[in-house]
Protein backbone atom coordinates (compact mmCIF):
# COMPACT_ATOMS: atom_id res chain seq x y z
CA MET A 1 -2.68 20.73 -103.35
CA SER A 2 0.40 20.66 -101.95
CA ILE A 3 1.21 24.66 -102.36
CA ILE A 4 -1.36 25.33 -98.88
CA SER A 5 0.32 27.23 -96.89
CA PRO A 6 1.63 27.10 -93.59
CA GLN A 7 -0.30 29.85 -92.00
CA ALA A 8 -3.65 27.61 -93.33
CA MET A 9 -2.71 25.00 -92.11
CA LEU A 10 -1.58 26.22 -88.74
CA LEU A 11 -5.24 28.17 -88.88
CA TRP A 12 -6.20 24.30 -89.20
CA ALA A 13 -4.75 23.04 -86.52
CA THR A 14 -5.36 25.94 -83.83
CA LEU A 15 -9.07 25.83 -84.61
CA SER A 16 -9.37 21.89 -84.52
CA SER A 17 -7.23 22.11 -81.15
CA THR A 18 -9.81 24.46 -79.83
CA LEU A 19 -12.76 22.09 -80.88
CA LEU A 20 -10.64 19.31 -78.95
CA LEU A 21 -10.55 21.76 -75.82
CA PHE A 22 -14.04 22.71 -75.63
CA LEU A 23 -15.49 18.70 -76.65
CA ILE A 24 -13.11 17.89 -73.22
CA GLN A 25 -14.72 21.03 -71.31
CA HIS A 26 -18.37 20.63 -72.64
CA LEU A 27 -18.69 16.74 -71.71
CA TYR A 28 -17.28 17.32 -68.05
CA ARG A 29 -19.72 19.90 -67.79
CA TYR A 30 -22.39 18.00 -69.85
CA ASP A 31 -22.64 14.82 -67.60
CA ARG A 32 -18.35 14.12 -66.16
CA PHE A 33 -18.12 11.98 -69.29
CA GLN A 34 -20.59 9.68 -67.94
CA CYS A 35 -21.98 9.19 -71.48
CA LEU A 36 -18.53 7.95 -72.60
CA LYS A 37 -19.05 4.45 -69.80
CA TRP A 38 -20.24 1.66 -71.27
CA ARG A 39 -21.92 0.26 -68.27
CA GLY A 40 -22.49 -3.40 -69.99
CA SER A 41 -25.11 -5.44 -71.88
CA SER A 42 -27.96 -3.44 -71.07
CA ASP A 43 -26.48 -0.19 -72.96
CA GLY A 44 -27.30 0.29 -76.44
CA GLY A 45 -24.73 -0.68 -78.41
CA PHE A 46 -25.79 1.31 -81.35
CA LYS A 47 -25.71 4.21 -79.30
CA ARG A 48 -22.30 4.09 -78.04
CA PHE A 49 -20.97 3.39 -81.45
CA MET A 50 -22.57 6.62 -82.53
CA THR A 51 -20.72 8.24 -79.68
CA TYR A 52 -17.26 6.82 -80.24
CA SER A 53 -17.82 7.37 -83.87
CA TYR A 54 -18.09 11.37 -83.48
CA ILE A 55 -15.87 11.73 -80.66
CA ILE A 56 -13.10 9.85 -82.17
CA SER A 57 -13.06 11.68 -85.02
CA VAL A 58 -11.75 14.90 -83.70
CA PRO A 59 -8.62 14.28 -81.92
CA LEU A 60 -7.90 12.37 -85.57
CA ILE A 61 -8.21 15.84 -87.25
CA VAL A 62 -6.22 17.52 -84.79
CA ALA A 63 -3.52 14.89 -84.81
CA TYR A 64 -3.68 15.29 -89.05
CA SER A 65 -3.56 18.98 -88.91
CA VAL A 66 -1.14 19.72 -86.41
CA ALA A 67 1.26 17.51 -87.77
CA MET A 68 0.82 19.08 -91.37
CA ALA A 69 1.23 22.41 -90.11
CA VAL A 70 4.55 21.46 -88.55
CA MET A 71 6.33 19.49 -90.92
CA LYS A 72 4.98 22.48 -93.54
CA TYR A 73 6.74 25.19 -91.36
CA GLN A 74 9.96 23.28 -91.50
CA ALA A 75 9.76 22.57 -95.42
CA GLY A 76 9.30 26.48 -95.37
CA TYR A 77 9.27 27.72 -98.90
CA VAL A 78 11.17 27.60 -102.58
CA SER A 79 11.51 30.50 -105.07
CA PHE A 80 11.98 30.27 -108.85
CA PRO A 81 12.33 33.21 -111.50
CA ASN A 82 8.97 34.48 -113.44
CA PRO A 83 8.23 33.09 -116.53
CA ASN A 84 7.04 36.46 -117.49
CA SER A 85 10.23 38.05 -116.43
CA THR A 86 12.14 40.25 -119.11
CA PRO A 87 15.86 42.04 -119.19
CA SER A 88 13.55 44.78 -119.66
CA HIS A 89 10.93 44.40 -117.55
CA PRO A 90 12.41 42.38 -114.41
CA LEU A 91 9.55 41.02 -112.33
CA PRO A 92 9.90 39.34 -108.61
CA ARG A 93 10.46 35.55 -108.26
CA ILE A 94 7.81 33.31 -107.40
CA VAL A 95 7.63 32.18 -103.89
CA ILE A 96 5.52 29.09 -102.95
CA PRO A 97 4.95 26.87 -100.02
CA ALA A 98 7.71 24.35 -100.93
CA PRO A 99 5.68 20.92 -102.50
CA THR A 100 6.36 18.29 -100.40
CA THR A 101 8.47 16.22 -103.15
CA SER A 102 11.30 18.39 -101.73
CA TRP A 103 10.55 17.62 -98.21
CA PRO A 104 12.57 15.69 -96.25
CA ASP A 105 12.47 11.58 -96.71
CA SER A 106 11.07 11.34 -92.66
CA HIS A 107 8.65 13.99 -93.04
CA GLN A 108 7.51 12.49 -96.29
CA LYS A 109 7.04 8.90 -94.96
CA LEU A 110 4.41 10.78 -93.25
CA VAL A 111 2.29 12.66 -95.43
CA PHE A 112 0.67 8.93 -96.15
CA PRO A 113 -0.62 7.89 -92.84
CA LEU A 114 -1.54 11.67 -91.67
CA TYR A 115 -3.54 11.69 -95.54
CA VAL A 116 -4.94 7.65 -93.99
CA ILE A 117 -5.98 9.38 -90.50
CA PHE A 118 -7.52 12.52 -92.34
CA ALA A 119 -9.65 9.87 -94.07
CA VAL A 120 -10.72 8.08 -91.11
CA ALA A 121 -11.73 11.04 -89.52
CA TRP A 122 -13.60 11.98 -92.03
CA ALA A 123 -15.31 8.86 -92.76
CA LEU A 124 -16.48 9.05 -89.35
CA GLU A 125 -17.83 12.60 -89.54
CA ILE A 126 -19.72 11.17 -92.12
CA VAL A 127 -21.05 8.66 -90.28
CA SER A 128 -22.48 10.61 -87.68
CA HIS A 129 -24.19 13.23 -89.52
CA LEU A 130 -25.80 10.47 -92.00
CA GLU A 131 -27.11 9.05 -89.24
CA GLU A 132 -28.75 12.10 -87.99
CA LEU A 133 -30.49 12.57 -90.97
CA CYS A 134 -32.05 9.49 -91.32
CA PHE A 135 -33.14 9.41 -87.86
CA TRP A 136 -35.08 13.03 -88.62
CA LEU A 137 -36.13 11.76 -92.09
CA PHE A 138 -37.47 8.46 -90.09
CA MET A 139 -39.61 10.94 -87.54
CA ILE A 140 -41.09 13.27 -89.85
CA LYS A 141 -42.33 10.09 -91.80
CA GLU A 142 -43.27 8.87 -89.03
CA GLN A 143 -45.01 11.81 -87.67
CA GLU A 144 -46.66 12.00 -91.37
CA ASP A 145 -47.63 8.45 -91.86
CA THR A 146 -49.97 8.09 -88.20
CA GLY A 147 -53.00 6.68 -88.46
CA HIS A 148 -51.88 5.07 -92.04
CA GLY A 149 -50.41 1.87 -90.47
CA GLY A 150 -48.78 -0.02 -87.86
CA ILE A 151 -45.54 1.70 -86.31
CA ARG A 152 -42.10 0.80 -87.83
CA PRO A 153 -39.04 0.37 -85.55
CA TRP A 154 -35.77 2.23 -86.21
CA PHE A 155 -33.64 -0.52 -86.69
CA LYS A 156 -36.31 -2.41 -89.27
CA SER A 157 -36.60 1.22 -90.90
CA PHE A 158 -35.89 2.18 -94.89
CA GLU A 159 -33.82 4.63 -93.15
CA TYR A 160 -31.73 2.49 -90.75
CA LYS A 161 -30.63 0.48 -93.50
CA LEU A 162 -30.08 3.46 -95.50
CA TRP A 163 -27.51 4.77 -93.14
CA CYS A 164 -25.90 1.47 -92.80
CA CYS A 165 -25.59 1.06 -96.46
CA GLY A 166 -24.10 4.88 -96.44
CA SER A 167 -22.06 4.50 -93.63
CA LEU A 168 -20.48 1.46 -95.40
CA ILE A 169 -19.35 2.98 -98.39
CA ALA A 170 -18.07 5.91 -96.13
CA ILE A 171 -15.90 3.92 -93.89
CA VAL A 172 -14.52 1.71 -97.00
CA LEU A 173 -14.26 4.32 -99.94
CA LEU A 174 -12.53 7.25 -98.04
CA PRO A 175 -9.76 4.92 -96.82
CA LEU A 176 -9.45 3.24 -99.54
CA VAL A 177 -9.12 6.12 -102.38
CA THR A 178 -6.57 7.02 -100.17
CA LEU A 179 -4.91 3.98 -100.18
CA GLU A 180 -5.06 3.37 -104.05
CA THR A 181 -3.83 7.28 -105.06
CA ARG A 182 -0.60 6.88 -102.39
CA HIS A 183 2.03 6.78 -105.15
CA ASP A 184 1.44 10.55 -106.14
CA VAL A 185 1.18 12.20 -102.63
CA GLN A 186 -0.18 15.11 -104.44
CA GLN A 187 -3.49 13.61 -105.61
CA VAL A 188 -3.63 11.62 -102.44
CA GLU A 189 -4.54 15.02 -101.08
CA ALA A 190 -6.64 15.58 -103.67
CA TRP A 191 -8.78 12.60 -104.16
CA THR A 192 -9.40 12.56 -100.29
CA PHE A 193 -10.68 15.84 -100.55
CA PHE A 194 -13.16 15.46 -103.54
CA THR A 195 -14.14 11.78 -102.05
CA GLY A 196 -15.05 13.37 -98.38
CA SER A 197 -16.28 17.08 -100.24
CA VAL A 198 -18.72 14.99 -102.74
CA GLY A 199 -20.11 12.43 -99.65
CA SER A 200 -20.38 15.88 -97.14
CA LEU A 201 -22.07 17.85 -99.25
CA ILE A 202 -24.60 15.13 -100.39
CA ILE A 203 -25.59 15.04 -96.88
CA THR A 204 -25.51 18.57 -96.71
CA LEU A 205 -27.87 19.36 -99.12
CA TRP A 206 -30.02 16.10 -97.86
CA PHE A 207 -30.67 18.23 -95.12
CA PHE A 208 -32.50 20.73 -96.71
CA ARG A 209 -35.20 18.56 -96.91
CA VAL A 210 -35.58 18.39 -93.26
CA LEU A 211 -35.24 22.26 -92.62
CA TRP A 212 -38.22 22.05 -95.25
CA LYS A 213 -40.40 19.37 -93.31
CA PHE A 214 -39.30 20.13 -89.51
CA PRO A 215 -41.81 22.99 -88.93
CA SER A 216 -44.61 21.03 -89.61
CA PHE A 217 -43.58 18.46 -87.70
CA LEU A 218 -43.02 20.60 -85.12
CA LYS A 219 -46.76 21.75 -85.32
CA ARG A 220 -48.00 18.40 -84.65
CA ILE A 221 -45.86 17.70 -81.78
CA GLU A 222 -47.33 20.94 -80.09
CA ALA A 223 -50.60 19.63 -81.28
CA GLU A 224 -49.83 16.99 -79.23
CA ASN A 225 -49.33 18.26 -75.88
CA ALA A 226 -45.48 17.31 -75.73
CA GLU A 227 -43.80 18.37 -73.10
CA PRO A 228 -42.35 21.90 -73.09
CA GLU A 229 -39.02 20.70 -72.71
CA VAL A 230 -38.96 18.57 -75.84
CA ILE A 231 -40.71 21.57 -77.65
CA VAL A 232 -37.66 23.61 -76.54
CA ARG A 233 -35.35 21.39 -77.63
CA LEU A 234 -36.80 20.92 -81.04
CA VAL A 235 -36.98 24.60 -81.52
CA ALA A 236 -33.22 24.63 -80.32
CA PHE A 237 -32.41 22.13 -82.73
CA GLN A 238 -33.93 23.56 -85.69
CA ASP A 239 -32.23 27.08 -85.19
CA LEU A 240 -29.03 25.13 -85.00
CA ASN A 241 -29.24 23.23 -87.81
CA ARG A 242 -30.17 26.36 -90.03
CA ILE A 243 -27.02 27.63 -88.92
CA ARG A 244 -25.08 24.89 -89.02
CA ILE A 245 -25.97 23.93 -92.75
CA PHE A 246 -24.72 27.38 -93.77
CA PHE A 247 -20.99 26.43 -92.31
CA ARG A 248 -21.03 22.94 -93.82
CA LEU A 249 -21.57 24.50 -97.05
CA MET A 250 -18.71 26.79 -96.01
CA PHE A 251 -16.34 23.54 -95.09
CA VAL A 252 -17.50 21.68 -97.92
CA ILE A 253 -17.97 23.67 -101.02
CA PRO A 254 -13.98 25.61 -101.07
CA LEU A 255 -12.14 21.91 -100.23
CA LEU A 256 -14.25 20.34 -103.08
CA VAL A 257 -13.15 23.38 -105.47
CA LEU A 258 -9.60 23.04 -104.33
CA ALA A 259 -10.00 18.98 -105.17
CA CYS A 260 -11.39 19.38 -108.24
CA ASP A 261 -8.57 21.88 -109.81
CA GLY A 262 -5.84 19.57 -108.15
CA ILE A 263 -7.02 16.08 -109.58
CA ARG A 264 -6.08 17.35 -112.87
CA ALA A 265 -2.38 16.12 -112.80
CA ASN A 266 -1.36 17.83 -116.04
CA GLY A 267 -3.46 21.22 -115.37
CA PRO A 268 -4.33 23.80 -116.25
CA HIS A 269 -4.52 24.54 -112.25
CA HIS A 270 -6.29 27.73 -112.28
CA ILE A 271 -7.17 28.28 -108.65
CA ALA A 272 -3.49 27.09 -107.54
CA GLY A 273 -2.25 29.74 -110.17
CA THR A 274 -4.15 32.20 -108.62
CA ALA A 275 -2.30 34.20 -106.00
CA GLY A 276 -4.26 33.76 -102.49
CA ALA A 277 -7.05 31.46 -103.45
CA VAL A 278 -5.53 28.31 -102.62
CA ASP A 279 -5.08 30.15 -99.07
CA ILE A 280 -8.32 31.51 -98.94
CA LEU A 281 -10.62 28.44 -100.00
CA ALA A 282 -8.77 26.63 -97.05
CA MET A 283 -9.25 28.78 -94.42
CA VAL A 284 -12.75 29.53 -95.68
CA GLY A 285 -12.89 25.47 -95.18
CA GLY A 286 -11.32 24.90 -91.82
CA ILE A 287 -13.50 27.78 -90.29
CA GLY A 288 -16.65 26.06 -91.69
CA CYS A 289 -15.55 22.43 -90.30
CA ILE A 290 -14.95 23.65 -87.01
CA VAL A 291 -18.04 25.76 -86.14
CA SER A 292 -20.14 22.97 -87.77
CA SER A 293 -18.85 20.57 -85.49
CA VAL A 294 -19.35 22.74 -82.52
CA ILE A 295 -23.08 22.91 -83.38
CA THR A 296 -23.09 18.84 -83.82
CA LEU A 297 -21.51 19.04 -80.61
CA LEU A 298 -24.22 21.22 -78.48
CA ILE A 299 -26.94 19.32 -80.64
CA PHE A 300 -25.31 15.87 -79.57
CA PHE A 301 -25.19 16.68 -76.22
CA PRO A 302 -27.36 19.88 -75.16
CA ARG A 303 -26.51 21.04 -71.91
CA SER A 304 -28.98 22.50 -69.48
CA ILE A 305 -28.04 25.63 -67.74
CA ALA A 306 -30.84 25.77 -65.51
CA ARG A 307 -30.56 22.18 -64.35
CA GLU A 308 -26.92 23.16 -63.45
CA GLN A 309 -27.41 26.06 -61.43
CA GLY A 310 -30.46 23.90 -59.41
CA TYR A 311 -33.74 24.81 -60.98
CA ASP A 312 -35.82 21.90 -61.48
CA THR A 313 -39.57 22.40 -62.87
CA ARG A 314 -42.48 20.41 -61.43
CA ALA A 315 -43.69 17.10 -62.72
CA ARG A 316 -47.16 17.53 -64.34
CA THR A 317 -49.65 15.67 -65.80
CA ARG A 318 -51.85 15.73 -69.55
CA SER A 319 -55.08 15.35 -67.02
CA HIS A 320 -56.67 18.65 -66.38
CA SER A 321 -58.30 17.70 -63.47
CA ALA A 322 -55.34 16.22 -61.64
CA MET A 323 -53.29 20.18 -62.78
CA GLN A 324 -56.67 21.50 -61.20
CA SER A 325 -56.72 19.89 -58.32
CA ARG A 326 -53.11 19.98 -57.38
CA SER A 327 -52.78 23.85 -58.17
CA ALA A 328 -56.48 24.50 -55.80
CA LYS A 329 -54.17 22.99 -53.10
CA SER A 330 -51.44 25.35 -53.39
CA GLY A 331 -51.17 28.20 -55.51
CA ILE A 332 -47.32 29.13 -54.91
CA VAL A 333 -44.89 26.27 -54.85
CA SER A 334 -41.72 27.48 -53.09
CA ARG A 335 -38.67 25.82 -54.73
CA PRO A 336 -34.90 26.57 -53.53
CA HIS A 337 -33.99 30.15 -55.59
CA LEU A 338 -37.40 29.36 -57.80
CA THR A 339 -40.93 30.24 -57.38
CA VAL A 340 -43.80 29.30 -59.82
CA GLN A 341 -46.67 30.84 -59.48
CA SER A 342 -49.49 28.99 -61.03
CA ARG A 343 -52.24 30.47 -63.26
CA HIS A 344 -55.24 30.13 -65.14
CA ALA A 345 -54.56 32.80 -67.46
CA ARG A 346 -51.13 33.15 -69.54
CA SER A 347 -48.83 35.03 -68.25
CA GLN A 348 -47.48 38.58 -69.56
CA ARG A 349 -44.52 38.94 -67.95
CA SER A 350 -41.93 37.19 -66.19
CA THR A 351 -39.84 38.90 -63.06
CA VAL A 352 -36.31 37.50 -60.72
CA GLY A 353 -37.35 34.89 -58.25
CA GLU A 354 -41.14 34.39 -59.79
CA ILE A 355 -42.33 32.66 -63.21
CA GLU A 356 -46.16 32.68 -63.86
CA VAL A 357 -46.66 29.86 -65.74
CA GLU A 358 -50.60 28.32 -66.80
CA PRO A 359 -51.88 24.72 -66.23
CA LEU A 360 -52.11 23.01 -70.01
CA GLN A 361 -56.25 22.89 -70.59
CA ARG A 362 -55.84 21.26 -74.14
CA PRO A 363 -57.95 17.93 -74.85
CA SER A 364 -56.06 14.93 -74.31
CA PRO A 365 -56.20 12.38 -76.88
CA VAL A 366 -56.23 8.73 -75.67
CA HIS A 367 -53.92 7.23 -77.53
CA PRO A 368 -51.93 10.53 -78.80
CA LEU A 369 -49.69 9.30 -82.22
CA SER A 370 -50.70 5.49 -81.44
CA PRO A 371 -52.20 3.28 -83.50
CA THR A 372 -55.11 1.24 -82.22
CA GLY A 373 -54.12 -1.52 -80.56
CA VAL A 374 -50.60 0.13 -79.52
CA HIS A 375 -49.90 0.93 -75.66
CA VAL A 376 -47.69 3.94 -74.81
CA SER A 377 -46.55 4.81 -71.21
CA VAL A 378 -44.39 7.21 -69.99
CA GLN A 379 -42.32 6.07 -66.83
CA THR A 380 -39.73 7.95 -65.12
CA THR A 381 -36.04 6.59 -64.73
CA THR A 382 -32.71 8.17 -63.34
CA ARG A 383 -29.84 7.02 -65.55
CA GLY A 384 -26.49 8.67 -66.22
CA ASP A 385 -25.75 8.97 -69.81
CA SER A 386 -26.57 11.36 -72.19
CA SER A 387 -30.00 12.37 -73.08
CA TYR A 388 -31.06 14.14 -76.55
CA PHE A 389 -33.91 15.41 -75.48
CA GLY A 390 -33.71 15.26 -71.69
CA ASP A 391 -32.51 17.74 -69.12
CA GLY A 392 -29.18 18.25 -70.40
CA LEU A 393 -27.31 16.82 -66.57
CA GLY A 394 -28.47 12.60 -67.75
CA GLN A 395 -30.86 12.73 -64.70
CA ARG A 396 -34.29 11.75 -64.31
CA ASP A 397 -34.90 11.77 -67.74
CA SER A 398 -38.88 11.00 -69.19
CA LYS A 399 -38.83 8.84 -71.60
CA SER A 400 -41.77 7.59 -73.35
CA HIS A 401 -41.60 4.08 -74.71
CA ILE A 402 -43.52 1.93 -76.81
CA HIS A 403 -43.74 -1.81 -75.79
CA THR A 404 -41.79 -2.92 -78.82
CA ASN A 405 -39.00 -5.45 -79.15
CA ASN A 406 -36.90 -3.22 -80.27
CA ASP A 407 -37.36 -0.39 -78.04
CA ASP A 408 -33.70 1.23 -77.99
CA ASP A 409 -31.86 4.11 -77.52
CA TYR A 410 -31.24 5.12 -81.26
CA PHE A 411 -30.12 8.67 -81.42
CA ALA A 412 -26.99 7.56 -81.14
CA ALA A 413 -24.72 10.08 -79.91
CA SER A 414 -27.26 11.93 -78.14
CA GLY A 415 -27.96 8.75 -75.63
CA SER A 416 -31.82 7.94 -74.62
CA SER A 417 -33.41 9.87 -76.36
CA LEU A 418 -37.25 11.43 -75.12
CA ILE A 419 -38.65 10.73 -78.93
CA ARG A 420 -39.52 7.12 -79.94
CA SER A 421 -40.75 6.19 -83.43
CA GLY A 422 -44.84 7.04 -83.14
CA SER A 423 -44.74 8.71 -79.90
CA ILE A 424 -43.33 11.92 -79.82
CA ALA A 425 -42.88 12.58 -75.86
CA THR A 426 -46.62 11.45 -75.07
CA SER A 427 -48.06 10.06 -72.11
CA SER A 428 -51.05 7.97 -71.32
CA PRO A 429 -53.59 10.22 -69.28
CA ASP A 430 -53.38 8.73 -66.15
CA GLN A 431 -49.52 8.79 -65.64
CA PRO A 432 -47.17 11.82 -64.82
CA LEU A 433 -44.64 12.87 -66.74
């Protein structure tokens, strides 16, 4: 495993550093780093834990990849005679990156701490993606079970307990594997890659269930007359998640192949013995890791370009009579840089400066997505923190609340979510969103 070339590690270092710069720029444009502030005991501790666990993993990966790239370049290469060379048929010498056993003592002492850092970063990455997986499994199941029982609080659900157990295993197991194999530097790398790849691969394959269930989930949300902004973000999540799964497979499968080849201490090492195979797998894994992390960042912290440019949409109600009276008073609503013209027929065109929309005429259910006895209400609050299905800047987040004891912002890195268990962006007919 130590024969990964300096060029491959340089690619890891370059991509991870680019990811860190993009993270800083994105969070600044998102809400001026407000999502990172802990404002007091009223803030959801679970939400903050998930936010920090994802963000901290990025600089840890940067530290690992940059330090390894520098040390590999300083170590250089070693050459030895080709065993198949004969006096009658001489063959060129074999040149490989210098193994870690030939590095200076000062560099060898840094290898184990760097792989501990890498193991912690990978464990935090698994924690974040496992939470996202469990959250969507929870939401999809709640939608499917609507009307068949009471609403389960997130913190008492099976999916939350599954996330707790899986996260504990990841945080303990990955660094522990690195610690147990510290006597052999090459085995440290191989077993760390193997353990992390297996965990990430299980989560990635499990996400196919979310992809399979998500279209029907989205149709039920649309049928419940959810806000357009919520629908847009759900559709965006669906598309981004499809792309992300492809790149996550690009990330974990090559590293798993390298790990399986490296954990056999006494060989044979078929991958390591193939010219260019190690570098190709390492580079493909690095590209998959960074691209999937960028997509995760866009999902966890979705920006609203329209909001950033000063555009806003009119708050609407689900009551058809209220919408008709409002549109009857004024057919055209003027705003800076934006004119919204209400029509009773769906517009087939859109021009610069004018957007034609129709008031929704679907019948409003009395208590959509809620069992008997549970009151669903909507309140609009002004918050500075992040919002998964909010307006991108963390301002004027429309939040659907169910009055339960465990009403917390449970979607972690996303901050305060519009989607709550058993109430998917719905409102009472007499309250505006």
